[in-house]
Amino acid sequence: MTEIDDMPFYTVITQDGSVESFVEHDEAEARKIWEGTESATCFALPRIIIGSERSKAVFGSVEIVRIDFMDDSLMIEVPVKLPAESQSFMQFMLSNATVHMRLRGGEIGIVNLAKLAAYIVYPGRVQISIDAWLAKPIVNPSL
């Protein structure tokens, strides 16, 4: 197998910080899985099961924080220009059960908003309240 063959097709990140990655070598099967994933309801299932002929992994949906898919073909970017647009867009996004995000490597993450504790949005200057703590985040390239 080559290095590309071993790249994960999806990665599951759980509430306790565990990270499990899975690979699907059959491109047609990978496409079928991706197209059959209903991001709006995937965390509403009692569990997510990922299996092969030799293994089975079962994740309780309530424990999953994020699932990353290594396929960027369905990502939609929405430009937001004015502060009022940014605020209303974020309110709209956070009113759903899940939200898609583009990860640094181009893959897609589906976030379980029931587990969201905080978020940071880039790029652009945001309006912050006068009682906010002023600081710049440290970017961790390993995440």
N, C-alpha and C. Protein backbone atom coordinates (compact mmCIF):
# COMPACT_ATOMS: atom_id res chain seq x y z
N MET A 1 0.84 -1.20 0.00
CA MET A 1 0.00 0.00 0.00
C MET A 1 0.87 1.24 0.00
N THR A 2 0.42 2.23 -0.70
CA THR A 2 1.15 3.49 -0.72
C THR A 2 0.66 4.37 0.41
N GLU A 3 1.37 5.46 0.62
CA GLU A 3 0.98 6.40 1.68
C GLU A 3 -0.42 6.96 1.42
N ILE A 4 -0.75 7.22 0.15
CA ILE A 4 -2.07 7.76 -0.19
C ILE A 4 -3.14 6.74 0.12
N ASP A 5 -2.86 5.45 -0.13
CA ASP A 5 -3.83 4.39 0.16
C ASP A 5 -4.17 4.32 1.64
N ASP A 6 -3.23 4.71 2.50
CA ASP A 6 -3.44 4.63 3.93
C ASP A 6 -4.00 5.91 4.54
N MET A 7 -4.25 6.93 3.71
CA MET A 7 -4.82 8.16 4.25
C MET A 7 -6.24 7.88 4.74
N PRO A 8 -6.62 8.42 5.88
CA PRO A 8 -7.97 8.14 6.39
C PRO A 8 -9.05 8.74 5.51
N PHE A 9 -10.13 7.99 5.35
CA PHE A 9 -11.29 8.51 4.64
C PHE A 9 -12.12 9.34 5.60
N TYR A 10 -12.23 8.88 6.85
CA TYR A 10 -12.88 9.69 7.86
C TYR A 10 -12.25 9.45 9.21
N THR A 11 -12.38 10.46 10.05
CA THR A 11 -11.82 10.45 11.39
C THR A 11 -12.94 10.83 12.35
N VAL A 12 -13.06 10.07 13.45
CA VAL A 12 -14.08 10.34 14.46
C VAL A 12 -13.37 10.87 15.71
N ILE A 13 -13.81 12.01 16.20
CA ILE A 13 -13.23 12.63 17.40
C ILE A 13 -14.30 12.62 18.48
N THR A 14 -13.99 12.00 19.61
CA THR A 14 -14.99 11.86 20.67
C THR A 14 -14.77 12.86 21.79
N GLN A 15 -15.73 12.91 22.67
CA GLN A 15 -15.77 13.87 23.76
C GLN A 15 -14.56 13.75 24.68
N ASP A 16 -14.03 12.53 24.86
CA ASP A 16 -12.87 12.35 25.74
C ASP A 16 -11.54 12.63 25.04
N GLY A 17 -11.60 13.09 23.79
CA GLY A 17 -10.39 13.43 23.05
C GLY A 17 -9.84 12.29 22.21
N SER A 18 -10.48 11.15 22.22
CA SER A 18 -10.02 10.03 21.40
C SER A 18 -10.20 10.36 19.92
N VAL A 19 -9.27 9.90 19.11
CA VAL A 19 -9.32 10.11 17.67
C VAL A 19 -9.14 8.75 17.01
N GLU A 20 -10.12 8.36 16.22
CA GLU A 20 -10.05 7.10 15.49
C GLU A 20 -10.20 7.39 14.01
N SER A 21 -9.28 6.88 13.20
CA SER A 21 -9.31 7.11 11.75
C SER A 21 -9.58 5.81 11.01
N PHE A 22 -10.27 5.94 9.89
CA PHE A 22 -10.67 4.78 9.09
C PHE A 22 -10.39 5.08 7.63
N VAL A 23 -10.10 4.03 6.88
CA VAL A 23 -9.78 4.19 5.47
C VAL A 23 -10.75 3.36 4.64
N GLU A 24 -11.11 3.87 3.48
CA GLU A 24 -11.92 3.13 2.51
C GLU A 24 -11.18 3.20 1.19
N HIS A 25 -10.63 2.05 0.73
CA HIS A 25 -9.82 2.03 -0.48
C HIS A 25 -10.65 2.07 -1.76
N ASP A 26 -11.89 1.63 -1.70
CA ASP A 26 -12.75 1.60 -2.88
C ASP A 26 -13.40 2.98 -3.04
N GLU A 27 -13.00 3.70 -4.08
CA GLU A 27 -13.49 5.06 -4.27
C GLU A 27 -15.01 5.11 -4.45
N ALA A 28 -15.57 4.13 -5.14
CA ALA A 28 -17.03 4.10 -5.34
C ALA A 28 -17.75 3.91 -4.00
N GLU A 29 -17.22 3.05 -3.15
CA GLU A 29 -17.82 2.83 -1.83
C GLU A 29 -17.68 4.07 -0.96
N ALA A 30 -16.51 4.72 -1.04
CA ALA A 30 -16.30 5.96 -0.28
C ALA A 30 -17.30 7.03 -0.71
N ARG A 31 -17.52 7.17 -2.02
CA ARG A 31 -18.48 8.14 -2.54
C ARG A 31 -19.88 7.81 -2.05
N LYS A 32 -20.23 6.52 -2.03
CA LYS A 32 -21.55 6.08 -1.57
C LYS A 32 -21.76 6.44 -0.09
N ILE A 33 -20.73 6.23 0.71
CA ILE A 33 -20.81 6.58 2.14
C ILE A 33 -21.01 8.08 2.30
N TRP A 34 -20.17 8.87 1.60
CA TRP A 34 -20.25 10.33 1.70
C TRP A 34 -21.61 10.85 1.27
N GLU A 35 -22.09 10.38 0.11
CA GLU A 35 -23.37 10.87 -0.40
C GLU A 35 -24.55 10.40 0.44
N GLY A 36 -24.40 9.30 1.16
CA GLY A 36 -25.47 8.80 2.01
C GLY A 36 -25.47 9.39 3.41
N THR A 37 -24.49 10.22 3.71
CA THR A 37 -24.39 10.82 5.04
C THR A 37 -25.28 12.05 5.12
N GLU A 38 -26.25 12.00 5.99
CA GLU A 38 -27.13 13.14 6.24
C GLU A 38 -26.57 13.90 7.45
N SER A 39 -25.79 14.94 7.17
CA SER A 39 -25.12 15.63 8.27
C SER A 39 -26.09 16.23 9.27
N ALA A 40 -27.26 16.62 8.83
CA ALA A 40 -28.22 17.24 9.74
C ALA A 40 -28.75 16.26 10.77
N THR A 41 -28.70 14.97 10.46
CA THR A 41 -29.27 13.97 11.38
C THR A 41 -28.28 12.90 11.83
N CYS A 42 -27.03 12.96 11.38
CA CYS A 42 -26.11 11.86 11.70
C CYS A 42 -25.86 11.73 13.19
N PHE A 43 -25.89 12.81 13.96
CA PHE A 43 -25.68 12.71 15.40
C PHE A 43 -26.97 12.39 16.14
N ALA A 44 -28.10 12.35 15.44
CA ALA A 44 -29.38 11.99 16.05
C ALA A 44 -29.53 10.48 16.16
N LEU A 45 -28.71 9.73 15.40
CA LEU A 45 -28.74 8.27 15.50
C LEU A 45 -28.19 7.86 16.86
N PRO A 46 -28.66 6.73 17.41
CA PRO A 46 -28.14 6.32 18.72
C PRO A 46 -26.66 5.95 18.68
N ARG A 47 -26.20 5.45 17.55
CA ARG A 47 -24.80 5.07 17.43
C ARG A 47 -24.38 5.11 15.96
N ILE A 48 -23.08 5.24 15.76
CA ILE A 48 -22.50 5.16 14.44
C ILE A 48 -21.56 3.97 14.45
N ILE A 49 -21.76 3.06 13.49
CA ILE A 49 -20.97 1.84 13.42
C ILE A 49 -20.11 1.91 12.16
N ILE A 50 -18.82 1.66 12.32
CA ILE A 50 -17.89 1.62 11.21
C ILE A 50 -17.23 0.25 11.25
N GLY A 51 -17.38 -0.49 10.16
CA GLY A 51 -16.86 -1.85 10.20
C GLY A 51 -16.21 -2.28 8.90
N SER A 52 -15.48 -3.37 9.00
CA SER A 52 -14.86 -4.00 7.84
C SER A 52 -14.98 -5.50 8.04
N GLU A 53 -14.34 -6.26 7.17
CA GLU A 53 -14.42 -7.71 7.31
C GLU A 53 -13.68 -8.21 8.54
N ARG A 54 -12.80 -7.38 9.14
CA ARG A 54 -12.02 -7.82 10.30
C ARG A 54 -12.27 -7.03 11.58
N SER A 55 -13.02 -5.95 11.50
CA SER A 55 -13.20 -5.14 12.71
C SER A 55 -14.53 -4.40 12.69
N LYS A 56 -14.92 -3.96 13.89
CA LYS A 56 -16.13 -3.14 14.02
C LYS A 56 -15.88 -2.14 15.13
N ALA A 57 -16.18 -0.87 14.86
CA ALA A 57 -16.07 0.19 15.86
C ALA A 57 -17.47 0.78 16.04
N VAL A 58 -17.89 0.90 17.28
CA VAL A 58 -19.21 1.46 17.59
C VAL A 58 -19.00 2.71 18.44
N PHE A 59 -19.58 3.82 17.99
CA PHE A 59 -19.49 5.09 18.69
C PHE A 59 -20.89 5.54 19.09
N GLY A 60 -21.09 5.83 20.35
CA GLY A 60 -22.35 6.43 20.78
C GLY A 60 -22.39 7.85 20.24
N SER A 61 -23.43 8.19 19.53
CA SER A 61 -23.51 9.51 18.90
C SER A 61 -23.39 10.66 19.90
N VAL A 62 -23.86 10.44 21.11
CA VAL A 62 -23.79 11.50 22.11
C VAL A 62 -22.35 11.77 22.56
N GLU A 63 -21.43 10.86 22.26
CA GLU A 63 -20.03 11.03 22.63
C GLU A 63 -19.18 11.64 21.52
N ILE A 64 -19.74 11.74 20.31
CA ILE A 64 -18.97 12.23 19.16
C ILE A 64 -19.02 13.75 19.10
N VAL A 65 -17.85 14.36 19.03
CA VAL A 65 -17.75 15.81 18.89
C VAL A 65 -17.73 16.20 17.42
N ARG A 66 -16.96 15.43 16.62
CA ARG A 66 -16.78 15.80 15.21
C ARG A 66 -16.43 14.57 14.40
N ILE A 67 -16.86 14.57 13.14
CA ILE A 67 -16.44 13.57 12.17
C ILE A 67 -15.84 14.32 10.99
N ASP A 68 -14.61 13.96 10.64
CA ASP A 68 -13.94 14.60 9.51
C ASP A 68 -13.96 13.68 8.31
N PHE A 69 -14.41 14.18 7.19
CA PHE A 69 -14.42 13.43 5.93
C PHE A 69 -13.33 13.99 5.03
N MET A 70 -12.55 13.12 4.45
CA MET A 70 -11.45 13.54 3.59
C MET A 70 -11.92 13.68 2.15
N ASP A 71 -12.97 14.43 1.96
CA ASP A 71 -13.53 14.67 0.64
C ASP A 71 -14.08 16.09 0.64
N ASP A 72 -13.54 16.92 -0.23
CA ASP A 72 -13.98 18.32 -0.24
C ASP A 72 -14.87 18.66 -1.41
N SER A 73 -15.44 17.66 -2.08
CA SER A 73 -16.21 17.93 -3.29
C SER A 73 -17.56 18.60 -3.04
N LEU A 74 -18.08 18.51 -1.82
CA LEU A 74 -19.40 19.10 -1.57
C LEU A 74 -19.36 20.32 -0.68
N MET A 75 -18.19 20.88 -0.47
CA MET A 75 -18.06 22.03 0.41
C MET A 75 -18.58 23.27 -0.30
N ILE A 76 -19.37 24.06 0.41
CA ILE A 76 -19.90 25.30 -0.13
C ILE A 76 -19.39 26.44 0.75
N GLU A 77 -18.81 27.44 0.14
CA GLU A 77 -18.33 28.59 0.89
C GLU A 77 -19.29 29.75 0.69
N VAL A 78 -19.60 30.42 1.78
CA VAL A 78 -20.53 31.54 1.75
C VAL A 78 -19.79 32.78 2.22
N PRO A 79 -19.53 33.74 1.31
CA PRO A 79 -18.83 34.96 1.74
C PRO A 79 -19.77 35.83 2.58
N VAL A 80 -19.22 36.35 3.67
CA VAL A 80 -19.97 37.25 4.54
C VAL A 80 -19.14 38.51 4.66
N LYS A 81 -19.76 39.67 4.43
CA LYS A 81 -18.98 40.90 4.33
C LYS A 81 -19.19 41.87 5.49
N LEU A 82 -20.40 42.09 5.89
CA LEU A 82 -20.68 43.09 6.92
C LEU A 82 -20.82 42.42 8.29
N PRO A 83 -20.47 43.14 9.37
CA PRO A 83 -20.62 42.56 10.71
C PRO A 83 -22.03 42.04 10.99
N ALA A 84 -23.04 42.77 10.53
CA ALA A 84 -24.42 42.32 10.74
C ALA A 84 -24.68 41.00 10.01
N GLU A 85 -24.11 40.86 8.79
CA GLU A 85 -24.25 39.60 8.05
C GLU A 85 -23.55 38.47 8.78
N SER A 86 -22.37 38.75 9.32
CA SER A 86 -21.63 37.72 10.05
C SER A 86 -22.42 37.21 11.24
N GLN A 87 -22.98 38.13 11.99
CA GLN A 87 -23.73 37.74 13.19
C GLN A 87 -24.98 36.94 12.81
N SER A 88 -25.73 37.39 11.83
CA SER A 88 -26.94 36.65 11.47
C SER A 88 -26.58 35.30 10.84
N PHE A 89 -25.47 35.23 10.08
CA PHE A 89 -25.05 33.97 9.50
C PHE A 89 -24.66 32.98 10.59
N MET A 90 -23.90 33.43 11.59
CA MET A 90 -23.51 32.54 12.68
C MET A 90 -24.73 32.09 13.49
N GLN A 91 -25.69 32.97 13.71
CA GLN A 91 -26.91 32.56 14.41
C GLN A 91 -27.65 31.50 13.62
N PHE A 92 -27.71 31.67 12.30
CA PHE A 92 -28.34 30.67 11.44
C PHE A 92 -27.59 29.34 11.52
N MET A 93 -26.25 29.39 11.39
CA MET A 93 -25.45 28.16 11.42
C MET A 93 -25.60 27.43 12.76
N LEU A 94 -25.59 28.17 13.85
CA LEU A 94 -25.63 27.55 15.17
C LEU A 94 -27.03 27.12 15.58
N SER A 95 -28.05 27.45 14.79
CA SER A 95 -29.41 27.03 15.11
C SER A 95 -29.69 25.61 14.61
N ASN A 96 -28.75 25.02 13.86
CA ASN A 96 -28.90 23.67 13.34
C ASN A 96 -28.30 22.66 14.32
N ALA A 97 -28.48 21.38 14.05
CA ALA A 97 -27.90 20.33 14.89
C ALA A 97 -26.43 20.11 14.59
N THR A 98 -26.02 20.41 13.35
CA THR A 98 -24.63 20.23 12.94
C THR A 98 -24.20 21.42 12.09
N VAL A 99 -22.89 21.54 11.93
CA VAL A 99 -22.35 22.55 11.04
C VAL A 99 -21.14 21.94 10.33
N HIS A 100 -21.01 22.25 9.04
CA HIS A 100 -19.85 21.82 8.26
C HIS A 100 -18.77 22.87 8.39
N MET A 101 -17.53 22.42 8.35
CA MET A 101 -16.42 23.37 8.32
C MET A 101 -15.30 22.79 7.47
N ARG A 102 -14.57 23.68 6.82
CA ARG A 102 -13.41 23.25 6.05
C ARG A 102 -12.22 23.21 7.00
N LEU A 103 -11.51 22.08 6.98
CA LEU A 103 -10.32 21.93 7.81
C LEU A 103 -9.09 22.38 7.04
N ARG A 104 -7.97 22.53 7.71
CA ARG A 104 -6.76 23.07 7.09
C ARG A 104 -6.31 22.29 5.87
N GLY A 105 -6.47 20.99 5.89
CA GLY A 105 -6.02 20.17 4.77
C GLY A 105 -7.00 20.11 3.62
N GLY A 106 -8.13 20.82 3.73
CA GLY A 106 -9.13 20.82 2.67
C GLY A 106 -10.27 19.86 2.92
N GLU A 107 -10.14 18.97 3.91
CA GLU A 107 -11.21 18.03 4.20
C GLU A 107 -12.36 18.74 4.90
N ILE A 108 -13.45 18.01 5.13
CA ILE A 108 -14.65 18.58 5.72
C ILE A 108 -14.87 17.99 7.10
N GLY A 109 -15.19 18.83 8.06
CA GLY A 109 -15.56 18.38 9.39
C GLY A 109 -17.04 18.63 9.61
N ILE A 110 -17.71 17.66 10.20
CA ILE A 110 -19.11 17.84 10.60
C ILE A 110 -19.11 17.90 12.12
N VAL A 111 -19.50 19.04 12.67
CA VAL A 111 -19.45 19.27 14.10
C VAL A 111 -20.81 19.01 14.73
N ASN A 112 -20.81 18.25 15.82
CA ASN A 112 -22.00 18.00 16.61
C ASN A 112 -22.20 19.21 17.52
N LEU A 113 -23.14 20.09 17.18
CA LEU A 113 -23.30 21.34 17.93
C LEU A 113 -23.78 21.12 19.37
N ALA A 114 -24.31 19.94 19.65
CA ALA A 114 -24.69 19.64 21.03
C ALA A 114 -23.46 19.56 21.92
N LYS A 115 -22.28 19.36 21.34
CA LYS A 115 -21.03 19.26 22.09
C LYS A 115 -20.17 20.51 21.97
N LEU A 116 -20.64 21.52 21.28
CA LEU A 116 -19.86 22.74 21.06
C LEU A 116 -19.74 23.53 22.36
N ALA A 117 -18.51 23.81 22.76
CA ALA A 117 -18.28 24.61 23.95
C ALA A 117 -17.85 26.03 23.59
N ALA A 118 -17.12 26.17 22.48
CA ALA A 118 -16.64 27.48 22.03
C ALA A 118 -16.28 27.37 20.56
N TYR A 119 -16.16 28.50 19.90
CA TYR A 119 -15.71 28.48 18.50
C TYR A 119 -14.98 29.77 18.19
N ILE A 120 -14.09 29.67 17.20
CA ILE A 120 -13.33 30.82 16.70
C ILE A 120 -13.54 30.85 15.20
N VAL A 121 -13.84 32.01 14.65
CA VAL A 121 -14.09 32.14 13.23
C VAL A 121 -12.99 33.01 12.62
N TYR A 122 -12.43 32.55 11.52
CA TYR A 122 -11.43 33.32 10.77
C TYR A 122 -11.94 33.47 9.37
N PRO A 123 -11.50 34.35 8.54
CA PRO A 123 -10.68 35.51 8.83
C PRO A 123 -11.56 36.72 9.14
N GLY A 124 -10.92 37.81 9.35
CA GLY A 124 -11.65 39.06 9.50
C GLY A 124 -11.70 39.55 10.93
N ARG A 125 -11.92 40.82 11.06
CA ARG A 125 -12.02 41.44 12.37
C ARG A 125 -13.45 41.30 12.86
N VAL A 126 -13.57 40.89 14.07
CA VAL A 126 -14.90 40.72 14.65
C VAL A 126 -15.19 41.85 15.62
N GLN A 127 -16.44 42.08 15.84
CA GLN A 127 -16.82 43.04 16.87
C GLN A 127 -16.86 42.28 18.18
N ILE A 128 -16.18 42.80 19.17
CA ILE A 128 -16.18 42.14 20.47
C ILE A 128 -16.73 43.09 21.52
N SER A 129 -17.28 42.53 22.55
CA SER A 129 -17.87 43.37 23.61
C SER A 129 -16.77 43.98 24.46
N ILE A 130 -17.10 45.05 25.17
CA ILE A 130 -16.10 45.77 25.95
C ILE A 130 -15.58 44.95 27.14
N ASP A 131 -16.33 43.91 27.54
CA ASP A 131 -15.87 43.09 28.66
C ASP A 131 -15.12 41.83 28.21
N ALA A 132 -14.81 41.75 26.90
CA ALA A 132 -14.10 40.58 26.37
C ALA A 132 -12.64 40.61 26.81
N TRP A 133 -12.04 39.46 26.99
CA TRP A 133 -10.61 39.33 27.28
C TRP A 133 -9.88 39.41 25.96
N LEU A 134 -8.96 40.33 25.80
CA LEU A 134 -8.24 40.51 24.55
C LEU A 134 -7.00 39.61 24.51
N ALA A 135 -6.94 38.75 23.52
CA ALA A 135 -5.79 37.86 23.31
C ALA A 135 -5.89 37.25 21.93
N LYS A 136 -4.74 36.85 21.40
CA LYS A 136 -4.70 36.18 20.10
C LYS A 136 -4.53 34.69 20.34
N PRO A 137 -5.24 33.86 19.55
CA PRO A 137 -5.11 32.41 19.74
C PRO A 137 -3.76 31.91 19.23
N ILE A 138 -3.27 30.85 19.85
CA ILE A 138 -2.06 30.17 19.39
C ILE A 138 -2.51 29.09 18.43
N VAL A 139 -1.98 29.12 17.23
CA VAL A 139 -2.37 28.13 16.22
C VAL A 139 -1.55 26.88 16.44
N ASN A 140 -2.25 25.74 16.59
CA ASN A 140 -1.60 24.46 16.79
C ASN A 140 -1.65 23.71 15.47
N PRO A 141 -0.54 23.63 14.73
CA PRO A 141 -0.56 23.00 13.41
C PRO A 141 -0.81 21.50 13.44
N SER A 142 -0.73 20.87 14.59
CA SER A 142 -0.94 19.41 14.65
C SER A 142 -2.41 19.04 14.70
N LEU A 143 -3.31 19.99 14.86
CA LEU A 143 -4.74 19.66 14.92
C LEU A 143 -5.36 19.68 13.56
